[in-house]
Each structure stands twice: as C-alpha cells, then as structure tokens.
C-alpha cells in the first residue's frame, strides 16, 4: 500500500499528515507560510479541503442551519458563514500544491462533492480523503473510487455497517488502495472518547490499513496510537493558536508537530518484536552490573565458605545469587583474595 511515493503498513513508520483546514484565515500568504512550516516538521503530507460554502450548504436562517451547541467552537455561526470563513479558495490550490511539492511534501485534499473531485483531478492529486461527515455520501465515494487513486476514509460517527457500506462502494468503484482512519468527530475530542483499541480491530475486520484522524489536544493520543499499529496519523496544524482560526484551538503549532513526528518515529522503532533477554550487544555489556557472589575478605586454602567471608554484591562476574546458600559450608580449593568473584572451580 502506498500513499504517493511512501509505503505504509506495519513494516513502515506511520505516515504523518498535517491538516491545514481553514487555519489560513483567508490569506494565501499565510497558507504558503503554513506549507513552509509543515515542511520543517518532518510530516510527509499536507491536506487541504476543497469546497465552497455553496457546495456545502445553503445560506439559510432556519435553526438547523446554525450551530446551536453552546459548547461548540463555532457556536452562533450559520453553517454557511462557517464554511465561507473556513474554505480554501479553489484558485489557491495550484500555488499551494506547487509550493508543497517544491519542499518535498505530498499535497492532497478532501473533496466534499463531485465538482471538487473534477477540479482536483485537473491538479493530478495523488490520492484523496473522504471526511467523516461525508462517509455516508456513497455517490461521492464512488466518484472518488472511479479515479483509481488511493483513498482514505475517515470513520467518525460511522457504525460498523456504515463503514462496511463505504468500503464496499469504494472497492466496487475501483479503489484498490484503501485506508480507514479511526476518528472521533468532536472538536476537540477527549482522549477517553478515542478508543484506540478499535484500530487493530478495524484493520482485521475490513482487511485494509488503518490510521487515526486525531482531534484531541496535544500529541499524547497520536503517539499512543503507534503501539496499536496505526499506519497514518492526521493532525490539524496552525502557525499559532493565538492567531485564531476555525480549527486553531485543537491544532498543533510547528514545534509540537515537529515533536510529534520525531516521537512517532521513536515509538515505531521501539515496537520491534516479541523478545526476552538481552536486546543488543550494548545491553549484554550491562549484565556486569548484576549482583553475584564475591569474597569480602581474604579466604585461605581449606577455609570454609561462610556468611562472614562471601556476600552477594555488584558486579556480576561471580556465581549467580541463587547459588549463595548452596556454597555455604563448602571449602576453598585455593586461596581467594578479597574482591575476587567466587567460581565453582575455587570450591570443593
């Protein structure tokens, strides 16, 4: 399985995606600075969202077209206003993608309707993502699958049967490279809502790679997902949360994203395989710091071994401590100097 020129899966470090979303604050200059900052973090890819307010909803004053949840980051805004503020103008996509490619980043996008897919195809995006709230839009999934490009589907709010339906439509539509993302669609999400154990279960259930789209604060949840075999990690990104923006409150700043990328690789390196005993030549050397049995005073040839002349101490070059009681009452075959390790050939 590949995303762009990067292989993903259990034999590869997680593929890290920085989501720009609407954190450009309607400034192309800021958007390009975000791309430059992402390139310096170690991320492999940057993701945009391709829609307009008119392709997302209608400009209406009915209550269901407003965010009425008092705890929402977007409380009091109409859906139309929110999407008008957050969308990335379509004529920005080409310069953003070009700058990303110059800096070695893979740039792709989430289309929110079929016109966005048609537009993104003119820019030759390498793969696509379906957002959580669109994972039941089966005609959209089918249209994306028909491009034959790799597809990532976020699974926020979706039941197993809804995920199964999306997967089926994608595969029947021609998608051969499918990745699912475990996602909790609250903003921000709580770690207790994340349920990372779903990642390996989802991978086994649907027979594809699985990652995480993480909306929690900080990097702890994303790092923990590495131990569950996540293939992809997606986090929202901003230059500075203090600058505001529709998703800034749960977005990572550059230093945080850089730390995430380095620690993700460190965590992946640590998974390894089932192994006991010494793990390396370096650790083998550390065995000398174990305890073992040593002479704590001079012992003459023919003298009995007792609690008064031997002791279990560091380093570990003598007999192992489990033999201590066994050697008590034995006789020294030779003279043993204080500080010498006790060996079997020195005893009768």
Foldseek 3Di string as FASTA:
>chain_A
DDQVPDDWFLVDFAQEEAEAFQQCQPDLVQLLVQLVLVLVQQHQAYEAEADALVRVDDPDDDPVQAQCPPPALRHPHGSSVQRNRGHDPLVSVLVSCVSNVVSNHQYYYEYDDLVRVVSVVVVVRQEYEHEQVCLQVLVRLLSRLLVQHEYEYENEPHDPVSNVVSLVSSVVSRHPAYEYAQEHPDAQDDLVPRPLLVQVVVCVVSVHAYAHEHRHAAQVSRLVNVLVTHGYYYFYEHCALVVPTSRSVRGDHSVRSSVNNVSSVVSSVPNDDDDDDDDDPVVVVVLQFAWAKFFQAKAAFFGFDAPVGIDTDGGDPAHHPVCVVVRGGWGFNHIHHHPGHHYPVRTD
